[in-house]
Amino acid sequence: MTAPIARAHTNNRMSQLVRHGDLLFLAGQVADSYEADVSTQTREVLAHITTLLAEGGSGRDRLLSAVIHLKDIGDFAKMNAEWEAWMPAGAAPARTTVQATLAHPDLKVEITVIAAVG
């Protein structure tokens, strides 16, 4: 039997949250405060992720993978300070961080995660 696929916060282009079996996939999350500094944007992104993980039946301690896109790799240390404050000890996922052009010129960080449910 094939596991059902559940989608939430869906539009014509994407779903913010997709659950398949015991896996939860989140779309790339960005800050609401486009003109804020990278630390503030990172905190906002992590808050969005926390909310979506809870909605999908998961949590920060269940992350399997994270991909982080930074507008400026020079912001790596500032973003990491926020990430490390948010991440439970011993629960670090597999992670990639790259410099990238983001969808809006004022965005400084976008984070995509995959988590286990339960």
C-alpha atoms as a PDB file:
ATOM      1  CA  MET A   1       0.000   0.000   0.000  1.00  0.00           C
ATOM      2  CA  THR A   2       1.282   3.436  -0.936  1.00  0.00           C
ATOM      3  CA  ALA A   3       1.501   6.014   1.849  1.00  0.00           C
ATOM      4  CA  PRO A   4      -0.767   9.019   1.294  1.00  0.00           C
ATOM      5  CA  ILE A   5       0.695  12.442   0.537  1.00  0.00           C
ATOM      6  CA  ALA A   6      -0.677  15.354   2.579  1.00  0.00           C
ATOM      7  CA  ARG A   7      -0.056  18.938   1.475  1.00  0.00           C
ATOM      8  CA  ALA A   8      -0.678  22.160   3.392  1.00  0.00           C
ATOM      9  CA  HIS A   9      -0.550  25.860   2.543  1.00  0.00           C
ATOM     10  CA  THR A  10      -0.693  25.034  -1.152  1.00  0.00           C
ATOM     11  CA  ASN A  11      -0.987  27.311  -4.159  1.00  0.00           C
ATOM     12  CA  ASN A  12      -0.450  26.805  -7.890  1.00  0.00           C
ATOM     13  CA  ARG A  13       3.344  26.779  -7.510  1.00  0.00           C
ATOM     14  CA  MET A  14       4.113  25.015  -4.264  1.00  0.00           C
ATOM     15  CA  SER A  15       3.103  23.635  -0.890  1.00  0.00           C
ATOM     16  CA  GLN A  16       4.738  25.002   2.252  1.00  0.00           C
ATOM     17  CA  LEU A  17       4.467  21.580   3.879  1.00  0.00           C
ATOM     18  CA  VAL A  18       4.302  18.079   2.401  1.00  0.00           C
ATOM     19  CA  ARG A  19       4.031  14.923   4.492  1.00  0.00           C
ATOM     20  CA  HIS A  20       4.642  11.472   3.046  1.00  0.00           C
ATOM     21  CA  GLY A  21       4.693   8.622   5.509  1.00  0.00           C
ATOM     22  CA  ASP A  22       7.046   9.525   8.325  1.00  0.00           C
ATOM     23  CA  LEU A  23       8.786  12.300   6.374  1.00  0.00           C
ATOM     24  CA  LEU A  24       7.986  16.000   6.387  1.00  0.00           C
ATOM     25  CA  PHE A  25       9.259  18.285   3.625  1.00  0.00           C
ATOM     26  CA  LEU A  26       9.157  22.073   4.043  1.00  0.00           C
ATOM     27  CA  ALA A  27       9.449  24.574   1.215  1.00  0.00           C
ATOM     28  CA  GLY A  28      12.239  27.116   1.511  1.00  0.00           C
ATOM     29  CA  GLN A  29      11.299  29.564   4.269  1.00  0.00           C
ATOM     30  CA  VAL A  30      12.110  33.274   4.149  1.00  0.00           C
ATOM     31  CA  ALA A  31      11.651  36.176   6.536  1.00  0.00           C
ATOM     32  CA  ASP A  32       8.697  38.542   6.519  1.00  0.00           C
ATOM     33  CA  SER A  33      10.985  41.496   7.307  1.00  0.00           C
ATOM     34  CA  TYR A  34      12.804  41.772   3.996  1.00  0.00           C
ATOM     35  CA  GLU A  35      14.875  44.764   5.020  1.00  0.00           C
ATOM     36  CA  ALA A  36      16.026  43.383   8.398  1.00  0.00           C
ATOM     37  CA  ASP A  37      19.596  42.224   9.016  1.00  0.00           C
ATOM     38  CA  VAL A  38      20.586  38.579   8.528  1.00  0.00           C
ATOM     39  CA  SER A  39      20.307  37.769  12.246  1.00  0.00           C
ATOM     40  CA  THR A  40      16.723  39.021  12.429  1.00  0.00           C
ATOM     41  CA  GLN A  41      15.796  37.331   9.155  1.00  0.00           C
ATOM     42  CA  THR A  42      17.303  34.050  10.350  1.00  0.00           C
ATOM     43  CA  ARG A  43      15.300  34.174  13.598  1.00  0.00           C
ATOM     44  CA  GLU A  44      12.105  34.808  11.601  1.00  0.00           C
ATOM     45  CA  VAL A  45      12.859  31.936   9.226  1.00  0.00           C
ATOM     46  CA  LEU A  46      13.541  29.565  12.126  1.00  0.00           C
ATOM     47  CA  ALA A  47      10.272  30.630  13.771  1.00  0.00           C
ATOM     48  CA  HIS A  48       8.397  29.807  10.527  1.00  0.00           C
ATOM     49  CA  ILE A  49      10.131  26.421  10.421  1.00  0.00           C
ATOM     50  CA  THR A  50       9.255  25.712  14.066  1.00  0.00           C
ATOM     51  CA  THR A  51       5.579  26.465  13.366  1.00  0.00           C
ATOM     52  CA  LEU A  52       5.422  24.315  10.231  1.00  0.00           C
ATOM     53  CA  LEU A  53       7.248  21.423  11.877  1.00  0.00           C
ATOM     54  CA  ALA A  54       4.744  21.436  14.750  1.00  0.00           C
ATOM     55  CA  GLU A  55       1.848  21.567  12.292  1.00  0.00           C
ATOM     56  CA  GLY A  56       3.277  18.535  10.511  1.00  0.00           C
ATOM     57  CA  GLY A  57       3.829  16.528  13.708  1.00  0.00           C
ATOM     58  CA  SER A  58       7.577  17.072  14.019  1.00  0.00           C
ATOM     59  CA  GLY A  59      10.054  19.358  15.747  1.00  0.00           C
ATOM     60  CA  ARG A  60      13.548  20.840  15.672  1.00  0.00           C
ATOM     61  CA  ASP A  61      14.987  17.701  17.253  1.00  0.00           C
ATOM     62  CA  ARG A  62      13.655  15.607  14.326  1.00  0.00           C
ATOM     63  CA  LEU A  63      15.445  17.429  11.469  1.00  0.00           C
ATOM     64  CA  LEU A  64      17.165  15.133   9.014  1.00  0.00           C
ATOM     65  CA  SER A  65      18.468  17.642   6.478  1.00  0.00           C
ATOM     66  CA  ALA A  66      18.745  21.404   6.004  1.00  0.00           C
ATOM     67  CA  VAL A  67      19.800  23.489   3.019  1.00  0.00           C
ATOM     68  CA  ILE A  68      20.626  27.119   3.761  1.00  0.00           C
ATOM     69  CA  HIS A  69      20.923  29.748   1.050  1.00  0.00           C
ATOM     70  CA  LEU A  70      22.680  32.981   2.020  1.00  0.00           C
ATOM     71  CA  LYS A  71      22.697  36.086  -0.152  1.00  0.00           C
ATOM     72  CA  ASP A  72      26.185  36.829   1.183  1.00  0.00           C
ATOM     73  CA  ILE A  73      28.363  34.011   2.506  1.00  0.00           C
ATOM     74  CA  GLY A  74      30.022  36.697   4.636  1.00  0.00           C
ATOM     75  CA  ASP A  75      26.908  36.419   6.845  1.00  0.00           C
ATOM     76  CA  PHE A  76      27.702  32.767   7.626  1.00  0.00           C
ATOM     77  CA  ALA A  77      28.835  33.408  11.229  1.00  0.00           C
ATOM     78  CA  LYS A  78      25.831  35.616  12.067  1.00  0.00           C
ATOM     79  CA  MET A  79      23.389  33.094  10.606  1.00  0.00           C
ATOM     80  CA  ASN A  80      25.153  30.251  12.440  1.00  0.00           C
ATOM     81  CA  ALA A  81      24.851  32.082  15.771  1.00  0.00           C
ATOM     82  CA  GLU A  82      21.065  32.124  15.372  1.00  0.00           C
ATOM     83  CA  TRP A  83      20.978  28.524  14.094  1.00  0.00           C
ATOM     84  CA  GLU A  84      23.047  27.250  17.026  1.00  0.00           C
ATOM     85  CA  ALA A  85      20.819  29.051  19.554  1.00  0.00           C
ATOM     86  CA  TRP A  86      17.758  27.431  17.936  1.00  0.00           C
ATOM     87  CA  MET A  87      19.088  23.893  17.389  1.00  0.00           C
ATOM     88  CA  PRO A  88      18.741  21.450  20.317  1.00  0.00           C
ATOM     89  CA  ALA A  89      22.048  19.981  21.475  1.00  0.00           C
ATOM     90  CA  GLY A  90      22.887  16.718  19.747  1.00  0.00           C
ATOM     91  CA  ALA A  91      20.173  17.100  17.075  1.00  0.00           C
ATOM     92  CA  ALA A  92      22.113  18.729  14.234  1.00  0.00           C
ATOM     93  CA  PRO A  93      20.889  17.530  10.815  1.00  0.00           C
ATOM     94  CA  ALA A  94      22.920  16.915   7.689  1.00  0.00           C
ATOM     95  CA  ARG A  95      23.338  20.465   6.379  1.00  0.00           C
ATOM     96  CA  THR A  96      24.519  22.421   3.364  1.00  0.00           C
ATOM     97  CA  THR A  97      25.065  26.182   3.210  1.00  0.00           C
ATOM     98  CA  VAL A  98      25.608  28.015  -0.070  1.00  0.00           C
ATOM     99  CA  GLN A  99      25.695  31.578  -1.340  1.00  0.00           C
ATOM    100  CA  ALA A 100      22.828  32.217  -3.748  1.00  0.00           C
ATOM    101  CA  THR A 101      20.742  34.866  -5.430  1.00  0.00           C
ATOM    102  CA  LEU A 102      17.397  34.810  -3.618  1.00  0.00           C
ATOM    103  CA  ALA A 103      13.919  35.584  -4.968  1.00  0.00           C
ATOM    104  CA  HIS A 104      13.869  39.168  -3.624  1.00  0.00           C
ATOM    105  CA  PRO A 105      16.917  41.468  -3.487  1.00  0.00           C
ATOM    106  CA  ASP A 106      16.387  42.271   0.221  1.00  0.00           C
ATOM    107  CA  LEU A 107      16.206  38.643   1.360  1.00  0.00           C
ATOM    108  CA  LYS A 108      19.376  37.493   3.070  1.00  0.00           C
ATOM    109  CA  VAL A 109      18.585  33.879   4.018  1.00  0.00           C
ATOM    110  CA  GLU A 110      16.315  31.022   2.939  1.00  0.00           C
ATOM    111  CA  ILE A 111      16.209  27.656   4.697  1.00  0.00           C
ATOM    112  CA  THR A 112      14.688  24.384   3.488  1.00  0.00           C
ATOM    113  CA  VAL A 113      14.379  21.353   5.790  1.00  0.00           C
ATOM    114  CA  ILE A 114      13.319  17.709   5.803  1.00  0.00           C
ATOM    115  CA  ALA A 115      12.275  16.161   9.110  1.00  0.00           C
ATOM    116  CA  ALA A 116      11.076  12.886  10.542  1.00  0.00           C
ATOM    117  CA  VAL A 117       7.530  12.875  11.913  1.00  0.00           C
ATOM    118  CA  GLY A 118       6.821  11.749  15.445  1.00  0.00           C
END
